[in-house]
Protein backbone atom coordinates (compact mmCIF):
# COMPACT_ATOMS: atom_id res chain seq x y z
CA UNK A 1 0.00 0.00 0.00
CA UNK A 2 1.31 3.43 -0.94
CA UNK A 3 1.07 6.32 1.47
CA UNK A 4 0.08 8.70 -1.33
CA UNK A 5 -1.58 6.68 -4.10
CA UNK A 6 -1.80 8.06 -7.62
CA UNK A 7 -3.91 5.32 -9.19
CA UNK A 8 -4.47 6.92 -12.60
CA UNK A 9 -1.99 7.19 -15.45
CA UNK A 10 -1.86 9.43 -18.52
CA UNK A 11 0.49 8.73 -21.43
CA UNK A 12 2.32 11.94 -22.27
CA UNK A 13 4.80 11.66 -25.12
CA UNK A 14 5.04 7.94 -24.46
CA UNK A 15 5.78 8.47 -20.76
CA UNK A 16 3.53 7.67 -17.80
CA UNK A 17 2.27 10.59 -15.72
CA UNK A 18 0.56 9.54 -12.50
CA UNK A 19 -2.44 11.43 -11.11
CA UNK A 20 -5.52 11.22 -8.93
CA UNK A 21 -8.94 12.85 -8.88
CA UNK A 22 -10.90 12.98 -5.64
CA UNK A 23 -13.86 14.79 -4.14
CA UNK A 24 -16.94 16.40 -5.60
CA UNK A 25 -17.59 20.01 -6.52
CA UNK A 26 -16.02 22.73 -8.64
CA UNK A 27 -12.68 21.67 -10.16
CA UNK A 28 -9.42 22.54 -8.44
CA UNK A 29 -6.01 21.57 -9.84
CA UNK A 30 -2.96 21.27 -7.57
CA UNK A 31 0.44 21.69 -9.26
CA UNK A 32 3.57 20.99 -7.23
CA UNK A 33 7.01 22.52 -7.64
CA UNK A 34 10.48 21.06 -7.98
CA UNK A 35 12.17 18.99 -6.77
CA UNK A 36 9.02 17.80 -5.05
CA UNK A 37 5.98 15.67 -5.92
CA UNK A 38 2.24 15.92 -5.40
CA UNK A 39 2.88 14.51 -1.93
CA UNK A 40 3.37 18.14 -0.84
CA UNK A 41 -0.43 18.37 -0.96
CA UNK A 42 -1.09 15.29 1.20
CA UNK A 43 -2.36 17.27 4.20
CA UNK A 44 -4.48 19.83 2.37
CA UNK A 45 -5.95 17.81 -0.54
CA UNK A 46 -8.33 15.74 1.64
CA UNK A 47 -9.76 18.94 3.16
CA UNK A 48 -10.16 20.59 -0.25
CA UNK A 49 -11.87 17.44 -1.58
CA UNK A 50 -14.69 17.91 0.93
CA UNK A 51 -16.10 20.69 -1.27
CA UNK A 52 -14.12 20.46 -4.54
CA UNK A 53 -13.16 17.94 -7.19
CA UNK A 54 -9.40 17.97 -6.70
CA UNK A 55 -6.99 16.98 -9.47
CA UNK A 56 -3.33 16.45 -8.64
CA UNK A 57 -0.46 14.81 -10.45
CA UNK A 58 3.27 14.31 -10.36
CA UNK A 59 5.15 16.41 -12.90
CA UNK A 60 6.96 14.42 -15.55
CA UNK A 61 10.24 13.19 -14.06
CA UNK A 62 9.10 13.59 -10.44
CA UNK A 63 7.40 11.49 -7.79
CA UNK A 64 5.52 8.52 -9.22
CA UNK A 65 5.54 9.79 -12.81
CA UNK A 66 8.01 8.28 -15.23
CA UNK A 67 11.63 9.30 -14.76
CA UNK A 68 13.94 8.62 -17.69
CA UNK A 69 17.63 9.49 -17.71
CA UNK A 70 18.18 12.51 -19.91
CA UNK A 71 14.46 13.18 -20.39
CA UNK A 72 13.42 16.78 -20.97
CA UNK A 73 11.51 17.94 -17.90
CA UNK A 74 11.85 21.65 -18.66
CA UNK A 75 9.24 24.31 -18.08
CA UNK A 76 8.12 24.07 -21.70
CA UNK A 77 7.51 20.33 -21.41
CA UNK A 78 5.65 20.73 -18.09
CA UNK A 79 3.52 23.47 -19.69
CA UNK A 80 2.56 21.11 -22.52
CA UNK A 81 1.83 18.34 -20.02
CA UNK A 82 -0.51 20.52 -17.98
CA UNK A 83 -2.33 21.61 -21.15
CA UNK A 84 -2.83 17.97 -22.17
CA UNK A 85 -3.98 16.94 -18.70
CA UNK A 86 -6.53 19.77 -18.60
CA UNK A 87 -7.88 18.59 -21.95
CA UNK A 88 -7.88 14.96 -20.78
CA UNK A 89 -9.80 15.97 -17.66
CA UNK A 90 -12.10 18.16 -19.80
CA UNK A 91 -11.35 21.24 -17.71
CA UNK A 92 -11.46 24.67 -19.32
CA UNK A 93 -11.30 27.11 -16.38
CA UNK A 94 -10.39 25.29 -13.17
CA UNK A 95 -9.15 27.01 -10.06
CA UNK A 96 -5.48 26.27 -9.48
CA UNK A 97 -3.22 26.14 -6.46
CA UNK A 98 0.42 25.95 -7.49
CA UNK A 99 3.77 25.94 -5.75
CA UNK A 100 7.21 27.04 -7.00
CA UNK A 101 7.87 25.70 -10.53
CA UNK A 102 4.24 24.63 -10.66
CA UNK A 103 3.27 28.29 -10.40
CA UNK A 104 5.25 29.15 -13.52
CA UNK A 105 3.70 26.20 -15.34
CA UNK A 106 0.19 27.19 -14.27
CA UNK A 107 0.58 30.84 -15.24
CA UNK A 108 1.56 29.81 -18.75
CA UNK A 109 -1.32 27.33 -19.19
CA UNK A 110 -4.35 28.60 -17.29
C-alpha atoms as a PDB file:
ATOM      1  CA  UNK A   1       0.000   0.000   0.000  1.00  0.00           C
ATOM      2  CA  UNK A   2       1.312   3.428  -0.939  1.00  0.00           C
ATOM      3  CA  UNK A   3       1.074   6.317   1.474  1.00  0.00           C
ATOM      4  CA  UNK A   4       0.075   8.703  -1.333  1.00  0.00           C
ATOM      5  CA  UNK A   5      -1.583   6.683  -4.099  1.00  0.00           C
ATOM      6  CA  UNK A   6      -1.799   8.060  -7.619  1.00  0.00           C
ATOM      7  CA  UNK A   7      -3.911   5.316  -9.194  1.00  0.00           C
ATOM      8  CA  UNK A   8      -4.468   6.921 -12.599  1.00  0.00           C
ATOM      9  CA  UNK A   9      -1.992   7.193 -15.452  1.00  0.00           C
ATOM     10  CA  UNK A  10      -1.858   9.431 -18.515  1.00  0.00           C
ATOM     11  CA  UNK A  11       0.486   8.731 -21.432  1.00  0.00           C
ATOM     12  CA  UNK A  12       2.320  11.943 -22.273  1.00  0.00           C
ATOM     13  CA  UNK A  13       4.803  11.661 -25.122  1.00  0.00           C
ATOM     14  CA  UNK A  14       5.040   7.936 -24.461  1.00  0.00           C
ATOM     15  CA  UNK A  15       5.784   8.466 -20.760  1.00  0.00           C
ATOM     16  CA  UNK A  16       3.525   7.667 -17.800  1.00  0.00           C
ATOM     17  CA  UNK A  17       2.270  10.586 -15.724  1.00  0.00           C
ATOM     18  CA  UNK A  18       0.556   9.535 -12.501  1.00  0.00           C
ATOM     19  CA  UNK A  19      -2.438  11.430 -11.110  1.00  0.00           C
ATOM     20  CA  UNK A  20      -5.518  11.220  -8.932  1.00  0.00           C
ATOM     21  CA  UNK A  21      -8.942  12.845  -8.880  1.00  0.00           C
ATOM     22  CA  UNK A  22     -10.903  12.983  -5.644  1.00  0.00           C
ATOM     23  CA  UNK A  23     -13.865  14.785  -4.136  1.00  0.00           C
ATOM     24  CA  UNK A  24     -16.943  16.404  -5.603  1.00  0.00           C
ATOM     25  CA  UNK A  25     -17.592  20.007  -6.516  1.00  0.00           C
ATOM     26  CA  UNK A  26     -16.023  22.733  -8.642  1.00  0.00           C
ATOM     27  CA  UNK A  27     -12.682  21.675 -10.160  1.00  0.00           C
ATOM     28  CA  UNK A  28      -9.422  22.542  -8.438  1.00  0.00           C
ATOM     29  CA  UNK A  29      -6.014  21.567  -9.837  1.00  0.00           C
ATOM     30  CA  UNK A  30      -2.961  21.270  -7.575  1.00  0.00           C
ATOM     31  CA  UNK A  31       0.438  21.685  -9.262  1.00  0.00           C
ATOM     32  CA  UNK A  32       3.572  20.995  -7.225  1.00  0.00           C
ATOM     33  CA  UNK A  33       7.015  22.521  -7.641  1.00  0.00           C
ATOM     34  CA  UNK A  34      10.485  21.061  -7.982  1.00  0.00           C
ATOM     35  CA  UNK A  35      12.175  18.988  -6.770  1.00  0.00           C
ATOM     36  CA  UNK A  36       9.019  17.798  -5.048  1.00  0.00           C
ATOM     37  CA  UNK A  37       5.985  15.672  -5.917  1.00  0.00           C
ATOM     38  CA  UNK A  38       2.241  15.920  -5.395  1.00  0.00           C
ATOM     39  CA  UNK A  39       2.882  14.514  -1.930  1.00  0.00           C
ATOM     40  CA  UNK A  40       3.374  18.140  -0.844  1.00  0.00           C
ATOM     41  CA  UNK A  41      -0.429  18.366  -0.958  1.00  0.00           C
ATOM     42  CA  UNK A  42      -1.094  15.291   1.203  1.00  0.00           C
ATOM     43  CA  UNK A  43      -2.364  17.271   4.204  1.00  0.00           C
ATOM     44  CA  UNK A  44      -4.480  19.832   2.372  1.00  0.00           C
ATOM     45  CA  UNK A  45      -5.950  17.811  -0.541  1.00  0.00           C
ATOM     46  CA  UNK A  46      -8.332  15.744   1.640  1.00  0.00           C
ATOM     47  CA  UNK A  47      -9.757  18.936   3.159  1.00  0.00           C
ATOM     48  CA  UNK A  48     -10.160  20.585  -0.247  1.00  0.00           C
ATOM     49  CA  UNK A  49     -11.875  17.441  -1.578  1.00  0.00           C
ATOM     50  CA  UNK A  50     -14.695  17.914   0.927  1.00  0.00           C
ATOM     51  CA  UNK A  51     -16.098  20.692  -1.271  1.00  0.00           C
ATOM     52  CA  UNK A  52     -14.123  20.461  -4.544  1.00  0.00           C
ATOM     53  CA  UNK A  53     -13.160  17.943  -7.190  1.00  0.00           C
ATOM     54  CA  UNK A  54      -9.402  17.971  -6.697  1.00  0.00           C
ATOM     55  CA  UNK A  55      -6.992  16.983  -9.469  1.00  0.00           C
ATOM     56  CA  UNK A  56      -3.333  16.449  -8.641  1.00  0.00           C
ATOM     57  CA  UNK A  57      -0.457  14.813 -10.450  1.00  0.00           C
ATOM     58  CA  UNK A  58       3.275  14.313 -10.362  1.00  0.00           C
ATOM     59  CA  UNK A  59       5.150  16.408 -12.896  1.00  0.00           C
ATOM     60  CA  UNK A  60       6.965  14.421 -15.554  1.00  0.00           C
ATOM     61  CA  UNK A  61      10.236  13.192 -14.057  1.00  0.00           C
ATOM     62  CA  UNK A  62       9.102  13.589 -10.441  1.00  0.00           C
ATOM     63  CA  UNK A  63       7.401  11.491  -7.793  1.00  0.00           C
ATOM     64  CA  UNK A  64       5.517   8.518  -9.222  1.00  0.00           C
ATOM     65  CA  UNK A  65       5.540   9.792 -12.811  1.00  0.00           C
ATOM     66  CA  UNK A  66       8.006   8.278 -15.228  1.00  0.00           C
ATOM     67  CA  UNK A  67      11.625   9.305 -14.761  1.00  0.00           C
ATOM     68  CA  UNK A  68      13.938   8.623 -17.688  1.00  0.00           C
ATOM     69  CA  UNK A  69      17.625   9.487 -17.710  1.00  0.00           C
ATOM     70  CA  UNK A  70      18.181  12.513 -19.907  1.00  0.00           C
ATOM     71  CA  UNK A  71      14.465  13.183 -20.389  1.00  0.00           C
ATOM     72  CA  UNK A  72      13.423  16.781 -20.974  1.00  0.00           C
ATOM     73  CA  UNK A  73      11.512  17.940 -17.895  1.00  0.00           C
ATOM     74  CA  UNK A  74      11.855  21.650 -18.664  1.00  0.00           C
ATOM     75  CA  UNK A  75       9.244  24.313 -18.077  1.00  0.00           C
ATOM     76  CA  UNK A  76       8.120  24.068 -21.702  1.00  0.00           C
ATOM     77  CA  UNK A  77       7.513  20.329 -21.407  1.00  0.00           C
ATOM     78  CA  UNK A  78       5.655  20.725 -18.095  1.00  0.00           C
ATOM     79  CA  UNK A  79       3.523  23.468 -19.694  1.00  0.00           C
ATOM     80  CA  UNK A  80       2.559  21.110 -22.517  1.00  0.00           C
ATOM     81  CA  UNK A  81       1.833  18.338 -20.016  1.00  0.00           C
ATOM     82  CA  UNK A  82      -0.514  20.521 -17.982  1.00  0.00           C
ATOM     83  CA  UNK A  83      -2.332  21.609 -21.154  1.00  0.00           C
ATOM     84  CA  UNK A  84      -2.828  17.970 -22.169  1.00  0.00           C
ATOM     85  CA  UNK A  85      -3.984  16.941 -18.698  1.00  0.00           C
ATOM     86  CA  UNK A  86      -6.531  19.768 -18.598  1.00  0.00           C
ATOM     87  CA  UNK A  87      -7.883  18.592 -21.954  1.00  0.00           C
ATOM     88  CA  UNK A  88      -7.880  14.964 -20.779  1.00  0.00           C
ATOM     89  CA  UNK A  89      -9.797  15.972 -17.656  1.00  0.00           C
ATOM     90  CA  UNK A  90     -12.096  18.164 -19.805  1.00  0.00           C
ATOM     91  CA  UNK A  91     -11.354  21.240 -17.706  1.00  0.00           C
ATOM     92  CA  UNK A  92     -11.465  24.674 -19.321  1.00  0.00           C
ATOM     93  CA  UNK A  93     -11.300  27.107 -16.384  1.00  0.00           C
ATOM     94  CA  UNK A  94     -10.391  25.288 -13.166  1.00  0.00           C
ATOM     95  CA  UNK A  95      -9.150  27.007 -10.064  1.00  0.00           C
ATOM     96  CA  UNK A  96      -5.479  26.266  -9.479  1.00  0.00           C
ATOM     97  CA  UNK A  97      -3.217  26.142  -6.460  1.00  0.00           C
ATOM     98  CA  UNK A  98       0.420  25.954  -7.487  1.00  0.00           C
ATOM     99  CA  UNK A  99       3.772  25.940  -5.751  1.00  0.00           C
ATOM    100  CA  UNK A 100       7.212  27.041  -6.996  1.00  0.00           C
ATOM    101  CA  UNK A 101       7.872  25.701 -10.531  1.00  0.00           C
ATOM    102  CA  UNK A 102       4.237  24.630 -10.662  1.00  0.00           C
ATOM    103  CA  UNK A 103       3.270  28.292 -10.404  1.00  0.00           C
ATOM    104  CA  UNK A 104       5.246  29.154 -13.520  1.00  0.00           C
ATOM    105  CA  UNK A 105       3.701  26.201 -15.339  1.00  0.00           C
ATOM    106  CA  UNK A 106       0.194  27.189 -14.272  1.00  0.00           C
ATOM    107  CA  UNK A 107       0.577  30.835 -15.244  1.00  0.00           C
ATOM    108  CA  UNK A 108       1.556  29.813 -18.750  1.00  0.00           C
ATOM    109  CA  UNK A 109      -1.318  27.334 -19.186  1.00  0.00           C
ATOM    110  CA  UNK A 110      -4.345  28.595 -17.291  1.00  0.00           C
END
